[in-house]
Amino acid sequence: MKPYIYKPTQTFHMVNKHFDTFIKLLGNSFRFKMFMLSKLPAAFFAGLRIEKLTYDEASISVHYKWFNKNPFRSIYVGILAMPSEVSTGILGMGALYKQVPAVSMLVVKSEGAYVKKAVGKIVFTCKDGAIIQNAVNEAIQTGEGVAVKCHTIGTNQNGEIVAEFDYTWSFKARKSS
């Protein structure tokens, strides 16, 4: 069965009780770097950093540097996709952290728009943590796949929008054996 796009019917969400532990683990810059080196090596070399991580919001940054550049003296579009995806995915990972039953997550669609030349420090912020947590809770309760569309906005140091992305994440509770 194909997952449907989750539309929340309420604003209240039950937060994963282990989310604070997850924040402490990845909120530590050394642990986040080690996580990226082992799971997302390209993001490690691109220099992604966590700027903010809460239940509802995640901000991930990347800087213009030699490794990230393109011939037009801006950040390569593939590099911009990394912090944008991580800003949405880290909220999903926090919602799934130590859940029983375990829940799988997968990107099923991505869309992006580049608005302005990306130079300097670019920060992607996603504020869809509550929607993600509700979708995970529903996937656990129903045992069905639930998809949620997450929006993230990349801004430069002047607060100008550089790029916007939408990622559709699918969540499904694994059957316990």
N, C-alpha and C. Protein backbone atom coordinates (compact mmCIF):
# COMPACT_ATOMS: atom_id res chain seq x y z
N MET A 1 0.84 -1.17 0.00
CA MET A 1 0.00 0.00 0.00
C MET A 1 0.89 1.24 0.00
N LYS A 2 0.54 2.18 -0.85
CA LYS A 2 1.30 3.42 -0.97
C LYS A 2 0.97 4.36 0.19
N PRO A 3 2.00 4.94 0.84
CA PRO A 3 1.72 5.85 1.95
C PRO A 3 0.99 7.10 1.47
N TYR A 4 0.17 7.65 2.30
CA TYR A 4 -0.52 8.89 1.98
C TYR A 4 0.19 10.05 2.67
N ILE A 5 -0.06 11.25 2.18
CA ILE A 5 0.55 12.43 2.79
C ILE A 5 -0.24 12.77 4.04
N TYR A 6 0.45 12.82 5.16
CA TYR A 6 -0.17 13.07 6.45
C TYR A 6 -0.54 14.54 6.57
N LYS A 7 -1.77 14.81 6.94
CA LYS A 7 -2.24 16.16 7.23
C LYS A 7 -2.73 16.16 8.66
N PRO A 8 -2.06 16.86 9.56
CA PRO A 8 -2.43 16.81 10.97
C PRO A 8 -3.83 17.36 11.22
N THR A 9 -4.54 16.68 12.11
CA THR A 9 -5.88 17.14 12.48
C THR A 9 -5.86 17.90 13.79
N GLN A 10 -4.72 17.87 14.49
CA GLN A 10 -4.60 18.58 15.75
C GLN A 10 -3.21 19.17 15.86
N THR A 11 -3.05 20.19 16.68
CA THR A 11 -1.74 20.81 16.83
C THR A 11 -0.94 20.17 17.96
N PHE A 12 -1.59 19.47 18.88
CA PHE A 12 -0.89 18.81 19.97
C PHE A 12 -0.14 17.60 19.42
N HIS A 13 1.06 17.37 19.90
CA HIS A 13 1.79 16.18 19.52
C HIS A 13 2.49 15.58 20.73
N MET A 14 2.52 14.27 20.75
CA MET A 14 3.20 13.57 21.83
C MET A 14 4.65 13.38 21.39
N VAL A 15 5.57 14.02 22.07
CA VAL A 15 6.97 13.99 21.70
C VAL A 15 7.60 12.69 22.19
N ASN A 16 8.47 12.13 21.36
CA ASN A 16 9.22 10.94 21.73
C ASN A 16 9.94 11.23 23.06
N LYS A 17 9.73 10.37 24.04
CA LYS A 17 10.32 10.60 25.37
C LYS A 17 11.85 10.53 25.36
N HIS A 18 12.43 9.99 24.30
CA HIS A 18 13.89 9.88 24.20
C HIS A 18 14.51 11.01 23.36
N PHE A 19 13.69 11.98 22.95
CA PHE A 19 14.19 13.05 22.09
C PHE A 19 15.28 13.87 22.78
N ASP A 20 15.14 14.11 24.09
CA ASP A 20 16.16 14.86 24.82
C ASP A 20 17.52 14.16 24.76
N THR A 21 17.50 12.84 24.89
CA THR A 21 18.76 12.07 24.79
C THR A 21 19.34 12.20 23.40
N PHE A 22 18.48 12.13 22.38
CA PHE A 22 18.91 12.28 21.00
C PHE A 22 19.56 13.65 20.79
N ILE A 23 18.94 14.71 21.33
CA ILE A 23 19.50 16.06 21.21
C ILE A 23 20.87 16.13 21.88
N LYS A 24 21.01 15.52 23.06
CA LYS A 24 22.31 15.54 23.75
C LYS A 24 23.38 14.81 22.94
N LEU A 25 22.99 13.71 22.29
CA LEU A 25 23.95 12.95 21.48
C LEU A 25 24.42 13.75 20.28
N LEU A 26 23.48 14.20 19.46
CA LEU A 26 23.86 14.89 18.23
C LEU A 26 24.12 16.38 18.44
N GLY A 27 23.68 16.93 19.56
CA GLY A 27 23.95 18.33 19.88
C GLY A 27 25.41 18.57 20.19
N ASN A 28 26.13 17.53 20.55
CA ASN A 28 27.56 17.60 20.78
C ASN A 28 28.24 17.62 19.41
N SER A 29 28.99 18.67 19.10
CA SER A 29 29.55 18.82 17.75
C SER A 29 30.49 17.67 17.37
N PHE A 30 31.26 17.16 18.33
CA PHE A 30 32.16 16.03 18.02
C PHE A 30 31.34 14.80 17.64
N ARG A 31 30.30 14.50 18.42
CA ARG A 31 29.46 13.32 18.12
C ARG A 31 28.73 13.49 16.79
N PHE A 32 28.28 14.71 16.50
CA PHE A 32 27.62 14.96 15.23
C PHE A 32 28.60 14.73 14.08
N LYS A 33 29.83 15.21 14.23
CA LYS A 33 30.85 14.99 13.19
C LYS A 33 31.14 13.50 13.01
N MET A 34 31.23 12.76 14.09
CA MET A 34 31.47 11.32 13.99
C MET A 34 30.29 10.59 13.35
N PHE A 35 29.08 11.04 13.69
CA PHE A 35 27.88 10.47 13.05
C PHE A 35 27.95 10.70 11.54
N MET A 36 28.26 11.93 11.15
CA MET A 36 28.33 12.24 9.71
C MET A 36 29.45 11.46 9.03
N LEU A 37 30.60 11.38 9.67
CA LEU A 37 31.72 10.65 9.07
C LEU A 37 31.34 9.19 8.82
N SER A 38 30.60 8.57 9.77
CA SER A 38 30.25 7.16 9.61
C SER A 38 29.02 6.95 8.73
N LYS A 39 28.04 7.85 8.76
CA LYS A 39 26.77 7.65 8.05
C LYS A 39 26.58 8.54 6.83
N LEU A 40 27.16 9.74 6.85
CA LEU A 40 27.01 10.72 5.77
C LEU A 40 28.37 11.35 5.46
N PRO A 41 29.33 10.57 4.94
CA PRO A 41 30.69 11.10 4.76
C PRO A 41 30.77 12.34 3.88
N ALA A 42 29.94 12.45 2.85
CA ALA A 42 29.98 13.65 2.01
C ALA A 42 29.58 14.89 2.81
N ALA A 43 28.59 14.74 3.70
CA ALA A 43 28.16 15.85 4.55
C ALA A 43 29.27 16.23 5.53
N PHE A 44 30.01 15.24 6.00
CA PHE A 44 31.14 15.51 6.89
C PHE A 44 32.16 16.39 6.17
N PHE A 45 32.54 16.01 4.95
CA PHE A 45 33.55 16.77 4.21
C PHE A 45 33.02 18.12 3.75
N ALA A 46 31.70 18.23 3.57
CA ALA A 46 31.11 19.52 3.21
C ALA A 46 31.10 20.48 4.40
N GLY A 47 31.18 19.94 5.62
CA GLY A 47 31.27 20.78 6.82
C GLY A 47 29.93 21.18 7.42
N LEU A 48 28.93 20.32 7.33
CA LEU A 48 27.63 20.63 7.92
C LEU A 48 27.75 20.78 9.43
N ARG A 49 26.96 21.71 9.99
CA ARG A 49 26.94 21.98 11.43
C ARG A 49 25.49 22.13 11.89
N ILE A 50 25.23 21.68 13.12
CA ILE A 50 23.92 21.91 13.72
C ILE A 50 23.95 23.29 14.36
N GLU A 51 23.04 24.15 13.95
CA GLU A 51 22.90 25.48 14.54
C GLU A 51 21.86 25.45 15.65
N LYS A 52 20.79 24.68 15.44
CA LYS A 52 19.71 24.59 16.42
C LYS A 52 19.02 23.24 16.25
N LEU A 53 18.66 22.62 17.38
CA LEU A 53 17.92 21.36 17.34
C LEU A 53 16.98 21.30 18.54
N THR A 54 15.68 21.37 18.26
CA THR A 54 14.65 21.23 19.29
C THR A 54 13.63 20.22 18.77
N TYR A 55 12.59 19.97 19.57
CA TYR A 55 11.54 19.05 19.14
C TYR A 55 10.87 19.52 17.84
N ASP A 56 10.73 20.81 17.71
CA ASP A 56 9.95 21.37 16.61
C ASP A 56 10.78 21.94 15.46
N GLU A 57 12.04 22.18 15.69
CA GLU A 57 12.83 22.92 14.70
C GLU A 57 14.27 22.43 14.64
N ALA A 58 14.81 22.41 13.42
CA ALA A 58 16.22 22.08 13.23
C ALA A 58 16.81 23.05 12.21
N SER A 59 18.01 23.53 12.51
CA SER A 59 18.75 24.42 11.60
C SER A 59 20.13 23.83 11.39
N ILE A 60 20.48 23.64 10.12
CA ILE A 60 21.76 23.04 9.73
C ILE A 60 22.46 24.02 8.79
N SER A 61 23.74 24.26 9.03
CA SER A 61 24.47 25.23 8.21
C SER A 61 25.58 24.58 7.39
N VAL A 62 25.97 25.30 6.35
CA VAL A 62 27.11 24.95 5.52
C VAL A 62 27.76 26.26 5.10
N HIS A 63 29.07 26.24 4.97
CA HIS A 63 29.83 27.44 4.59
C HIS A 63 30.40 27.29 3.18
N TYR A 64 30.49 28.40 2.49
CA TYR A 64 31.20 28.43 1.22
C TYR A 64 32.68 28.20 1.51
N LYS A 65 33.27 27.22 0.86
CA LYS A 65 34.71 26.96 0.98
C LYS A 65 35.18 26.22 -0.26
N TRP A 66 36.45 25.96 -0.35
CA TRP A 66 37.03 25.35 -1.54
C TRP A 66 36.33 24.05 -1.93
N PHE A 67 36.05 23.19 -0.98
CA PHE A 67 35.43 21.88 -1.27
C PHE A 67 34.00 22.03 -1.78
N ASN A 68 33.30 23.07 -1.38
CA ASN A 68 31.87 23.24 -1.69
C ASN A 68 31.60 24.10 -2.91
N LYS A 69 32.61 24.67 -3.52
CA LYS A 69 32.39 25.68 -4.54
C LYS A 69 32.09 25.10 -5.92
N ASN A 70 31.51 25.96 -6.76
CA ASN A 70 31.31 25.64 -8.17
C ASN A 70 32.09 26.67 -8.99
N PRO A 71 32.13 26.54 -10.31
CA PRO A 71 32.90 27.51 -11.12
C PRO A 71 32.35 28.93 -11.09
N PHE A 72 31.15 29.13 -10.53
CA PHE A 72 30.51 30.45 -10.51
C PHE A 72 30.72 31.18 -9.18
N ARG A 73 31.66 30.70 -8.38
CA ARG A 73 32.02 31.28 -7.08
C ARG A 73 30.84 31.31 -6.11
N SER A 74 30.13 30.20 -6.05
CA SER A 74 29.06 30.03 -5.07
C SER A 74 29.06 28.56 -4.63
N ILE A 75 28.19 28.23 -3.69
CA ILE A 75 28.11 26.85 -3.19
C ILE A 75 27.42 25.99 -4.24
N TYR A 76 28.00 24.86 -4.53
CA TYR A 76 27.48 23.89 -5.49
C TYR A 76 26.08 23.43 -5.05
N VAL A 77 25.16 23.28 -6.00
CA VAL A 77 23.77 22.94 -5.67
C VAL A 77 23.66 21.60 -4.94
N GLY A 78 24.51 20.65 -5.27
CA GLY A 78 24.50 19.36 -4.58
C GLY A 78 24.86 19.49 -3.11
N ILE A 79 25.74 20.42 -2.81
CA ILE A 79 26.12 20.68 -1.42
C ILE A 79 24.94 21.32 -0.68
N LEU A 80 24.20 22.22 -1.33
CA LEU A 80 23.04 22.85 -0.69
C LEU A 80 21.95 21.83 -0.36
N ALA A 81 21.86 20.78 -1.14
CA ALA A 81 20.85 19.75 -0.88
C ALA A 81 21.14 19.00 0.43
N MET A 82 22.41 18.91 0.81
CA MET A 82 22.77 18.18 2.03
C MET A 82 22.19 18.79 3.30
N PRO A 83 22.49 20.06 3.62
CA PRO A 83 21.91 20.60 4.86
C PRO A 83 20.40 20.73 4.79
N SER A 84 19.86 20.91 3.59
CA SER A 84 18.40 21.00 3.48
C SER A 84 17.76 19.67 3.86
N GLU A 85 18.29 18.57 3.35
CA GLU A 85 17.74 17.25 3.70
C GLU A 85 17.98 16.92 5.17
N VAL A 86 19.16 17.21 5.67
CA VAL A 86 19.48 16.92 7.07
C VAL A 86 18.59 17.73 8.01
N SER A 87 18.24 18.96 7.65
CA SER A 87 17.39 19.77 8.53
C SER A 87 16.00 19.15 8.70
N THR A 88 15.52 18.43 7.70
CA THR A 88 14.24 17.73 7.83
C THR A 88 14.43 16.35 8.43
N GLY A 89 15.46 15.65 7.98
CA GLY A 89 15.69 14.27 8.40
C GLY A 89 16.07 14.12 9.86
N ILE A 90 16.79 15.09 10.41
CA ILE A 90 17.21 14.99 11.81
C ILE A 90 16.01 15.07 12.74
N LEU A 91 14.97 15.80 12.34
CA LEU A 91 13.74 15.85 13.14
C LEU A 91 13.04 14.49 13.12
N GLY A 92 13.08 13.85 11.96
CA GLY A 92 12.52 12.50 11.86
C GLY A 92 13.31 11.49 12.67
N MET A 93 14.62 11.59 12.62
CA MET A 93 15.46 10.68 13.40
C MET A 93 15.21 10.84 14.89
N GLY A 94 15.04 12.07 15.33
CA GLY A 94 14.74 12.31 16.74
C GLY A 94 13.39 11.74 17.14
N ALA A 95 12.41 11.83 16.25
CA ALA A 95 11.09 11.28 16.52
C ALA A 95 11.13 9.75 16.58
N LEU A 96 12.08 9.14 15.87
CA LEU A 96 12.19 7.68 15.83
C LEU A 96 13.12 7.10 16.88
N TYR A 97 13.96 7.94 17.47
CA TYR A 97 15.01 7.47 18.35
C TYR A 97 14.45 6.60 19.49
N LYS A 98 14.89 5.36 19.54
CA LYS A 98 14.52 4.37 20.57
C LYS A 98 13.01 4.10 20.64
N GLN A 99 12.30 4.29 19.53
CA GLN A 99 10.87 3.99 19.52
C GLN A 99 10.63 2.49 19.55
N VAL A 100 9.56 2.08 20.19
CA VAL A 100 9.14 0.68 20.21
C VAL A 100 7.68 0.65 19.78
N PRO A 101 7.36 -0.03 18.68
CA PRO A 101 8.25 -0.75 17.78
C PRO A 101 9.11 0.23 16.97
N ALA A 102 10.18 -0.32 16.41
CA ALA A 102 11.06 0.50 15.59
C ALA A 102 10.29 1.00 14.36
N VAL A 103 10.66 2.16 13.89
CA VAL A 103 10.01 2.78 12.74
C VAL A 103 11.08 3.08 11.70
N SER A 104 10.79 2.74 10.45
CA SER A 104 11.73 3.05 9.37
C SER A 104 11.34 4.39 8.74
N MET A 105 12.32 5.05 8.17
CA MET A 105 12.06 6.31 7.48
C MET A 105 12.84 6.34 6.18
N LEU A 106 12.23 6.97 5.18
CA LEU A 106 12.84 7.00 3.85
C LEU A 106 12.34 8.23 3.11
N VAL A 107 13.24 8.91 2.40
CA VAL A 107 12.83 10.02 1.54
C VAL A 107 12.18 9.41 0.30
N VAL A 108 10.96 9.85 -0.01
CA VAL A 108 10.27 9.34 -1.19
C VAL A 108 10.14 10.41 -2.29
N LYS A 109 10.40 11.68 -1.93
CA LYS A 109 10.33 12.74 -2.93
C LYS A 109 11.09 13.95 -2.43
N SER A 110 11.73 14.66 -3.36
CA SER A 110 12.37 15.93 -3.00
C SER A 110 12.14 16.92 -4.14
N GLU A 111 11.96 18.17 -3.74
CA GLU A 111 11.77 19.27 -4.68
C GLU A 111 12.55 20.46 -4.15
N GLY A 112 13.16 21.21 -5.05
CA GLY A 112 13.92 22.36 -4.59
C GLY A 112 13.84 23.52 -5.55
N ALA A 113 14.03 24.70 -5.00
CA ALA A 113 14.09 25.92 -5.80
C ALA A 113 15.24 26.77 -5.29
N TYR A 114 16.09 27.20 -6.21
CA TYR A 114 17.23 28.03 -5.88
C TYR A 114 16.88 29.47 -6.23
N VAL A 115 16.95 30.36 -5.24
CA VAL A 115 16.45 31.72 -5.41
C VAL A 115 17.58 32.73 -5.61
N LYS A 116 18.69 32.51 -4.94
CA LYS A 116 19.77 33.50 -4.92
C LYS A 116 21.11 32.76 -4.86
N LYS A 117 22.14 33.40 -5.35
CA LYS A 117 23.50 32.85 -5.31
C LYS A 117 23.89 32.58 -3.86
N ALA A 118 24.38 31.38 -3.59
CA ALA A 118 24.73 30.97 -2.23
C ALA A 118 26.22 31.16 -1.97
N VAL A 119 26.54 32.17 -1.16
CA VAL A 119 27.92 32.41 -0.74
C VAL A 119 27.91 32.66 0.77
N GLY A 120 29.04 32.43 1.40
CA GLY A 120 29.13 32.64 2.85
C GLY A 120 28.49 31.49 3.59
N LYS A 121 27.86 31.79 4.71
CA LYS A 121 27.20 30.78 5.55
C LYS A 121 25.73 30.71 5.17
N ILE A 122 25.27 29.50 4.87
CA ILE A 122 23.87 29.26 4.53
C ILE A 122 23.28 28.35 5.60
N VAL A 123 22.13 28.74 6.15
CA VAL A 123 21.47 27.96 7.21
C VAL A 123 20.10 27.52 6.71
N PHE A 124 19.87 26.21 6.73
CA PHE A 124 18.57 25.65 6.37
C PHE A 124 17.80 25.35 7.65
N THR A 125 16.58 25.85 7.71
CA THR A 125 15.74 25.67 8.90
C THR A 125 14.43 25.00 8.52
N CYS A 126 14.11 23.93 9.25
CA CYS A 126 12.84 23.23 9.11
C CYS A 126 12.10 23.35 10.44
N LYS A 127 10.83 23.74 10.38
CA LYS A 127 10.02 23.91 11.59
C LYS A 127 8.85 22.93 11.63
N ASP A 128 9.04 21.76 11.04
CA ASP A 128 7.97 20.77 10.92
C ASP A 128 8.07 19.62 11.92
N GLY A 129 8.76 19.82 13.03
CA GLY A 129 8.93 18.75 14.01
C GLY A 129 7.63 18.18 14.54
N ALA A 130 6.64 19.03 14.80
CA ALA A 130 5.36 18.56 15.33
C ALA A 130 4.63 17.69 14.31
N ILE A 131 4.66 18.10 13.05
CA ILE A 131 4.01 17.33 12.00
C ILE A 131 4.69 15.97 11.85
N ILE A 132 6.02 15.97 11.91
CA ILE A 132 6.76 14.71 11.80
C ILE A 132 6.43 13.80 12.96
N GLN A 133 6.43 14.34 14.17
CA GLN A 133 6.14 13.52 15.36
C GLN A 133 4.73 12.93 15.28
N ASN A 134 3.75 13.73 14.83
CA ASN A 134 2.39 13.21 14.66
C ASN A 134 2.35 12.08 13.64
N ALA A 135 3.07 12.23 12.54
CA ALA A 135 3.09 11.19 11.51
C ALA A 135 3.72 9.91 12.05
N VAL A 136 4.80 10.02 12.81
CA VAL A 136 5.45 8.85 13.41
C VAL A 136 4.49 8.17 14.39
N ASN A 137 3.83 8.96 15.24
CA ASN A 137 2.87 8.40 16.18
C ASN A 137 1.76 7.65 15.46
N GLU A 138 1.27 8.22 14.36
CA GLU A 138 0.21 7.55 13.60
C GLU A 138 0.72 6.27 12.95
N ALA A 139 1.94 6.29 12.44
CA ALA A 139 2.51 5.08 11.84
C ALA A 139 2.62 3.96 12.87
N ILE A 140 2.98 4.31 14.10
CA ILE A 140 3.09 3.31 15.17
C ILE A 140 1.71 2.78 15.54
N GLN A 141 0.74 3.68 15.66
CA GLN A 141 -0.62 3.28 16.07
C GLN A 141 -1.33 2.44 15.02
N THR A 142 -1.17 2.80 13.75
CA THR A 142 -1.93 2.12 12.69
C THR A 142 -1.16 0.98 12.04
N GLY A 143 0.17 0.99 12.12
CA GLY A 143 0.98 -0.01 11.43
C GLY A 143 1.07 0.25 9.93
N GLU A 144 0.48 1.33 9.46
CA GLU A 144 0.49 1.70 8.04
C GLU A 144 1.59 2.73 7.77
N GLY A 145 1.99 2.80 6.52
CA GLY A 145 2.95 3.82 6.12
C GLY A 145 2.31 5.18 6.13
N VAL A 146 3.04 6.17 6.61
CA VAL A 146 2.56 7.55 6.66
C VAL A 146 3.65 8.42 6.04
N ALA A 147 3.26 9.26 5.10
CA ALA A 147 4.21 10.17 4.47
C ALA A 147 3.91 11.59 4.89
N VAL A 148 4.95 12.36 5.08
CA VAL A 148 4.79 13.76 5.49
C VAL A 148 5.74 14.62 4.65
N LYS A 149 5.21 15.75 4.19
CA LYS A 149 5.99 16.69 3.39
C LYS A 149 6.56 17.76 4.31
N CYS A 150 7.87 17.87 4.32
CA CYS A 150 8.57 18.83 5.19
C CYS A 150 9.20 19.93 4.35
N HIS A 151 9.07 21.15 4.84
CA HIS A 151 9.60 22.32 4.13
C HIS A 151 10.80 22.88 4.89
N THR A 152 11.83 23.25 4.16
CA THR A 152 13.01 23.86 4.76
C THR A 152 13.43 25.05 3.91
N ILE A 153 13.89 26.09 4.59
CA ILE A 153 14.28 27.33 3.91
C ILE A 153 15.75 27.62 4.24
N GLY A 154 16.53 27.88 3.19
CA GLY A 154 17.93 28.25 3.35
C GLY A 154 18.12 29.74 3.23
N THR A 155 18.77 30.33 4.23
CA THR A 155 19.01 31.77 4.22
C THR A 155 20.50 32.07 4.37
N ASN A 156 20.90 33.23 3.88
CA ASN A 156 22.30 33.65 4.04
C ASN A 156 22.45 34.49 5.30
N GLN A 157 23.64 35.07 5.51
CA GLN A 157 23.90 35.86 6.71
C GLN A 157 23.02 37.10 6.81
N ASN A 158 22.51 37.59 5.68
CA ASN A 158 21.65 38.78 5.67
C ASN A 158 20.18 38.43 5.84
N GLY A 159 19.88 37.14 6.05
CA GLY A 159 18.50 36.70 6.22
C GLY A 159 17.74 36.56 4.91
N GLU A 160 18.44 36.66 3.79
CA GLU A 160 17.81 36.54 2.47
C GLU A 160 17.65 35.05 2.12
N ILE A 161 16.52 34.71 1.52
CA ILE A 161 16.29 33.33 1.13
C ILE A 161 17.17 32.99 -0.07
N VAL A 162 17.91 31.90 0.06
CA VAL A 162 18.80 31.42 -0.99
C VAL A 162 18.17 30.25 -1.73
N ALA A 163 17.52 29.35 -0.98
CA ALA A 163 16.90 28.17 -1.57
C ALA A 163 15.80 27.66 -0.65
N GLU A 164 14.85 26.94 -1.24
CA GLU A 164 13.78 26.29 -0.49
C GLU A 164 13.63 24.87 -1.00
N PHE A 165 13.43 23.95 -0.08
CA PHE A 165 13.26 22.55 -0.45
C PHE A 165 12.05 21.96 0.27
N ASP A 166 11.45 20.98 -0.38
CA ASP A 166 10.41 20.15 0.23
C ASP A 166 10.87 18.71 0.12
N TYR A 167 10.85 18.00 1.24
CA TYR A 167 11.18 16.57 1.27
C TYR A 167 9.97 15.82 1.80
N THR A 168 9.58 14.78 1.10
CA THR A 168 8.51 13.91 1.57
C THR A 168 9.16 12.68 2.18
N TRP A 169 8.94 12.52 3.48
CA TRP A 169 9.48 11.39 4.24
C TRP A 169 8.36 10.37 4.48
N SER A 170 8.69 9.10 4.35
CA SER A 170 7.74 8.03 4.63
C SER A 170 8.18 7.34 5.92
N PHE A 171 7.22 7.11 6.82
CA PHE A 171 7.47 6.43 8.09
C PHE A 171 6.59 5.19 8.16
N LYS A 172 7.17 4.08 8.59
CA LYS A 172 6.39 2.86 8.76
C LYS A 172 6.94 2.06 9.92
N ALA A 173 6.03 1.67 10.82
CA ALA A 173 6.42 0.86 11.97
C ALA A 173 6.81 -0.53 11.48
N ARG A 174 7.91 -1.03 12.00
CA ARG A 174 8.35 -2.38 11.67
C ARG A 174 7.57 -3.36 12.53
N LYS A 175 7.27 -4.49 11.93
CA LYS A 175 6.55 -5.52 12.68
C LYS A 175 7.51 -6.18 13.66
N SER A 176 7.09 -6.30 14.92
CA SER A 176 7.94 -6.93 15.93
C SER A 176 7.81 -8.43 15.80
N SER A 177 8.94 -9.11 15.96
CA SER A 177 8.93 -10.57 15.84
C SER A 177 9.27 -11.25 17.13
